[in-house]
């Protein structure tokens, strides 16, 4: 129980730092990196929830979210690459 609270607190700190990078990044590329980091943290959080609730459906959701977030990052990177 205590370990779960520590993990959730550390994940919350990671989300806070990636949101700061996403909102106040010096360049657009830093903001895309912040968004990608946030997506990875959310995917890991969903997988951790699967462990906490002992429900494997969350793993399927984490997999789908991970694939969609990867595609999102690639689309943003291609868009910014063409913009230069």
N, C-alpha and C. Protein backbone atom coordinates (compact mmCIF):
# COMPACT_ATOMS: atom_id res chain seq x y z
N UNK A 1 0.82 -1.20 0.00
CA UNK A 1 0.00 0.00 0.00
C UNK A 1 0.86 1.26 0.00
N UNK A 2 1.88 1.29 0.84
CA UNK A 2 2.76 2.45 0.91
C UNK A 2 3.57 2.60 -0.37
N UNK A 3 3.98 1.49 -0.93
CA UNK A 3 4.75 1.53 -2.18
C UNK A 3 3.89 2.11 -3.30
N UNK A 4 2.63 1.76 -3.34
CA UNK A 4 1.73 2.30 -4.36
C UNK A 4 1.61 3.82 -4.24
N UNK A 5 1.50 4.31 -3.03
CA UNK A 5 1.41 5.76 -2.82
C UNK A 5 2.69 6.46 -3.25
N UNK A 6 3.83 5.85 -2.97
CA UNK A 6 5.10 6.43 -3.40
C UNK A 6 5.20 6.46 -4.91
N UNK A 7 4.79 5.38 -5.56
CA UNK A 7 4.83 5.33 -7.02
C UNK A 7 3.90 6.38 -7.62
N UNK A 8 2.70 6.51 -7.10
CA UNK A 8 1.77 7.51 -7.62
C UNK A 8 2.30 8.93 -7.40
N UNK A 9 2.96 9.16 -6.28
CA UNK A 9 3.54 10.49 -6.03
C UNK A 9 4.67 10.78 -7.02
N UNK A 10 5.52 9.81 -7.27
CA UNK A 10 6.61 10.01 -8.22
C UNK A 10 6.08 10.19 -9.64
N UNK A 11 5.04 9.47 -9.99
CA UNK A 11 4.43 9.65 -11.31
C UNK A 11 3.82 11.04 -11.41
N UNK A 12 3.21 11.51 -10.34
CA UNK A 12 2.66 12.86 -10.34
C UNK A 12 3.73 13.92 -10.53
N UNK A 13 4.89 13.73 -9.91
CA UNK A 13 6.00 14.67 -10.10
C UNK A 13 6.48 14.63 -11.54
N UNK A 14 6.55 13.43 -12.12
CA UNK A 14 6.94 13.32 -13.52
C UNK A 14 5.96 14.00 -14.45
N UNK A 15 4.68 13.85 -14.17
CA UNK A 15 3.66 14.52 -14.98
C UNK A 15 3.79 16.03 -14.85
N UNK A 16 4.05 16.50 -13.64
CA UNK A 16 4.22 17.94 -13.42
C UNK A 16 5.38 18.49 -14.25
N UNK A 17 6.53 17.80 -14.21
CA UNK A 17 7.69 18.27 -14.96
C UNK A 17 7.46 18.22 -16.47
N UNK A 18 6.79 17.19 -16.94
CA UNK A 18 6.55 17.12 -18.39
C UNK A 18 5.50 18.16 -18.81
N UNK A 19 4.55 18.47 -17.95
CA UNK A 19 3.59 19.54 -18.27
C UNK A 19 4.28 20.90 -18.31
N UNK A 20 5.25 21.11 -17.41
CA UNK A 20 6.01 22.36 -17.46
C UNK A 20 6.76 22.46 -18.77
N UNK A 21 7.38 21.37 -19.21
CA UNK A 21 8.10 21.37 -20.50
C UNK A 21 7.13 21.56 -21.65
N UNK A 22 5.95 20.98 -21.54
CA UNK A 22 4.96 21.11 -22.61
C UNK A 22 4.43 22.53 -22.71
N UNK A 23 4.19 23.18 -21.60
CA UNK A 23 3.60 24.52 -21.62
C UNK A 23 4.62 25.63 -21.82
N UNK A 24 5.80 25.48 -21.24
CA UNK A 24 6.77 26.57 -21.25
C UNK A 24 8.07 26.22 -21.99
N UNK A 25 8.00 25.25 -22.90
CA UNK A 25 9.20 24.86 -23.63
C UNK A 25 9.74 26.02 -24.45
N UNK A 26 11.06 26.16 -24.51
CA UNK A 26 11.62 27.28 -25.27
C UNK A 26 11.34 27.18 -26.77
N UNK A 27 11.22 25.97 -27.28
CA UNK A 27 10.94 25.81 -28.71
C UNK A 27 9.78 24.82 -28.89
N UNK A 28 9.32 24.75 -30.11
CA UNK A 28 8.22 23.83 -30.41
C UNK A 28 8.68 22.38 -30.27
N UNK A 29 9.94 22.13 -30.59
CA UNK A 29 10.46 20.77 -30.48
C UNK A 29 10.51 20.31 -29.03
N UNK A 30 10.84 21.22 -28.12
CA UNK A 30 10.81 20.89 -26.69
C UNK A 30 9.39 20.57 -26.24
N UNK A 31 8.43 21.25 -26.79
CA UNK A 31 7.03 20.98 -26.44
C UNK A 31 6.59 19.61 -26.94
N UNK A 32 7.07 19.22 -28.11
CA UNK A 32 6.74 17.88 -28.63
C UNK A 32 7.39 16.81 -27.76
N UNK A 33 8.62 17.06 -27.31
CA UNK A 33 9.28 16.12 -26.41
C UNK A 33 8.53 16.03 -25.08
N UNK A 34 8.06 17.16 -24.58
CA UNK A 34 7.26 17.15 -23.35
C UNK A 34 5.97 16.37 -23.52
N UNK A 35 5.33 16.51 -24.68
CA UNK A 35 4.10 15.76 -24.95
C UNK A 35 4.39 14.27 -25.05
N UNK A 36 5.48 13.91 -25.69
CA UNK A 36 5.84 12.49 -25.80
C UNK A 36 6.17 11.91 -24.44
N UNK A 37 6.87 12.66 -23.61
CA UNK A 37 7.18 12.19 -22.26
C UNK A 37 5.91 12.02 -21.44
N UNK A 38 4.99 12.96 -21.57
CA UNK A 38 3.72 12.84 -20.87
C UNK A 38 2.95 11.60 -21.33
N UNK A 39 2.97 11.32 -22.61
CA UNK A 39 2.28 10.12 -23.12
C UNK A 39 2.91 8.84 -22.59
N UNK A 40 4.22 8.80 -22.50
CA UNK A 40 4.89 7.61 -21.96
C UNK A 40 4.54 7.43 -20.49
N UNK A 41 4.51 8.52 -19.74
CA UNK A 41 4.16 8.43 -18.32
C UNK A 41 2.72 7.97 -18.14
N UNK A 42 1.81 8.48 -18.95
CA UNK A 42 0.41 8.07 -18.84
C UNK A 42 0.25 6.59 -19.21
N UNK A 43 0.98 6.15 -20.23
CA UNK A 43 0.93 4.73 -20.60
C UNK A 43 1.43 3.84 -19.46
N UNK A 44 2.52 4.25 -18.84
CA UNK A 44 3.04 3.48 -17.69
C UNK A 44 2.09 3.52 -16.52
N UNK A 45 1.43 4.65 -16.32
CA UNK A 45 0.46 4.77 -15.23
C UNK A 45 -0.73 3.84 -15.46
N UNK A 46 -1.20 3.74 -16.68
CA UNK A 46 -2.30 2.82 -16.98
C UNK A 46 -1.87 1.37 -16.73
N UNK A 47 -0.63 1.05 -17.12
CA UNK A 47 -0.13 -0.31 -16.86
C UNK A 47 0.00 -0.57 -15.36
N UNK A 48 0.41 0.44 -14.60
CA UNK A 48 0.49 0.29 -13.14
C UNK A 48 -0.90 0.12 -12.53
N UNK A 49 -1.89 0.80 -13.09
CA UNK A 49 -3.25 0.62 -12.60
C UNK A 49 -3.74 -0.81 -12.86
N UNK A 50 -3.29 -1.40 -13.96
CA UNK A 50 -3.63 -2.80 -14.22
C UNK A 50 -3.09 -3.70 -13.12
N UNK A 51 -1.89 -3.38 -12.64
CA UNK A 51 -1.31 -4.15 -11.54
C UNK A 51 -2.07 -3.92 -10.24
N UNK A 52 -2.41 -2.67 -9.96
CA UNK A 52 -3.08 -2.34 -8.69
C UNK A 52 -4.47 -2.95 -8.63
N UNK A 53 -5.23 -2.85 -9.71
CA UNK A 53 -6.60 -3.36 -9.72
C UNK A 53 -6.71 -4.81 -10.14
N UNK A 54 -5.59 -5.43 -10.51
CA UNK A 54 -5.56 -6.85 -10.94
C UNK A 54 -6.54 -7.11 -12.09
N UNK A 55 -6.52 -6.18 -13.07
CA UNK A 55 -7.42 -6.27 -14.20
C UNK A 55 -6.60 -6.10 -15.48
N UNK A 56 -6.59 -7.12 -16.30
CA UNK A 56 -5.74 -7.08 -17.50
C UNK A 56 -6.34 -6.23 -18.62
N UNK A 57 -7.57 -5.79 -18.48
CA UNK A 57 -8.16 -4.92 -19.49
C UNK A 57 -7.39 -3.61 -19.60
N UNK A 58 -6.84 -3.14 -18.47
CA UNK A 58 -6.05 -1.92 -18.49
C UNK A 58 -4.80 -2.06 -19.35
N UNK A 59 -4.26 -3.25 -19.44
CA UNK A 59 -3.09 -3.46 -20.29
C UNK A 59 -3.44 -3.28 -21.77
N UNK A 60 -4.61 -3.73 -22.16
CA UNK A 60 -5.06 -3.51 -23.54
C UNK A 60 -5.25 -2.02 -23.81
N UNK A 61 -5.79 -1.32 -22.84
CA UNK A 61 -5.98 0.12 -22.98
C UNK A 61 -4.63 0.82 -23.07
N UNK A 62 -3.67 0.40 -22.24
CA UNK A 62 -2.33 1.00 -22.27
C UNK A 62 -1.65 0.74 -23.61
N UNK A 63 -1.83 -0.43 -24.16
CA UNK A 63 -1.24 -0.75 -25.46
C UNK A 63 -1.84 0.12 -26.56
N UNK A 64 -3.15 0.25 -26.57
CA UNK A 64 -3.79 1.10 -27.58
C UNK A 64 -3.39 2.56 -27.41
N UNK A 65 -3.33 3.03 -26.18
CA UNK A 65 -2.93 4.41 -25.93
C UNK A 65 -1.48 4.64 -26.35
N UNK A 66 -0.61 3.68 -26.08
CA UNK A 66 0.78 3.79 -26.48
C UNK A 66 0.96 3.87 -27.99
N UNK A 67 0.21 3.06 -28.71
CA UNK A 67 0.29 3.08 -30.18
C UNK A 67 -0.22 4.42 -30.71
N UNK A 68 -1.35 4.88 -30.19
CA UNK A 68 -1.88 6.16 -30.65
C UNK A 68 -0.97 7.33 -30.30
N UNK A 69 -0.35 7.29 -29.14
CA UNK A 69 0.54 8.39 -28.77
C UNK A 69 1.81 8.37 -29.62
N UNK A 70 2.28 7.19 -30.00
CA UNK A 70 3.43 7.11 -30.90
C UNK A 70 3.10 7.71 -32.26
N UNK A 71 1.93 7.37 -32.78
CA UNK A 71 1.51 7.93 -34.07
C UNK A 71 1.37 9.45 -33.96
N UNK A 72 0.83 9.92 -32.85
CA UNK A 72 0.69 11.36 -32.64
C UNK A 72 2.05 12.06 -32.66
N UNK A 73 3.04 11.48 -32.00
CA UNK A 73 4.37 12.08 -31.97
C UNK A 73 5.00 12.09 -33.35
N UNK A 74 4.83 11.02 -34.10
CA UNK A 74 5.38 10.96 -35.46
C UNK A 74 4.72 12.01 -36.35
N UNK A 75 3.41 12.17 -36.22
CA UNK A 75 2.70 13.16 -37.03
C UNK A 75 3.17 14.57 -36.70
N UNK A 76 3.32 14.89 -35.41
CA UNK A 76 3.82 16.21 -35.03
C UNK A 76 5.24 16.43 -35.54
N UNK A 77 6.08 15.41 -35.44
CA UNK A 77 7.47 15.56 -35.90
C UNK A 77 7.51 15.77 -37.42
N UNK A 78 6.71 15.04 -38.16
CA UNK A 78 6.66 15.22 -39.62
C UNK A 78 6.14 16.62 -39.98
N UNK A 79 5.15 17.08 -39.24
CA UNK A 79 4.61 18.41 -39.50
C UNK A 79 5.66 19.49 -39.25
N UNK A 80 6.38 19.36 -38.14
CA UNK A 80 7.41 20.35 -37.84
C UNK A 80 8.60 20.25 -38.78
N UNK A 81 8.88 19.05 -39.25
CA UNK A 81 9.98 18.86 -40.20
C UNK A 81 9.66 19.54 -41.52
N UNK A 82 8.43 19.44 -41.97
CA UNK A 82 8.02 20.08 -43.21
C UNK A 82 7.88 21.58 -43.08
N UNK A 83 7.71 22.07 -41.86
CA UNK A 83 7.52 23.49 -41.63
C UNK A 83 8.82 24.28 -41.77
N UNK A 84 9.94 23.61 -41.58
CA UNK A 84 11.23 24.30 -41.64
C UNK A 84 11.73 24.45 -43.05
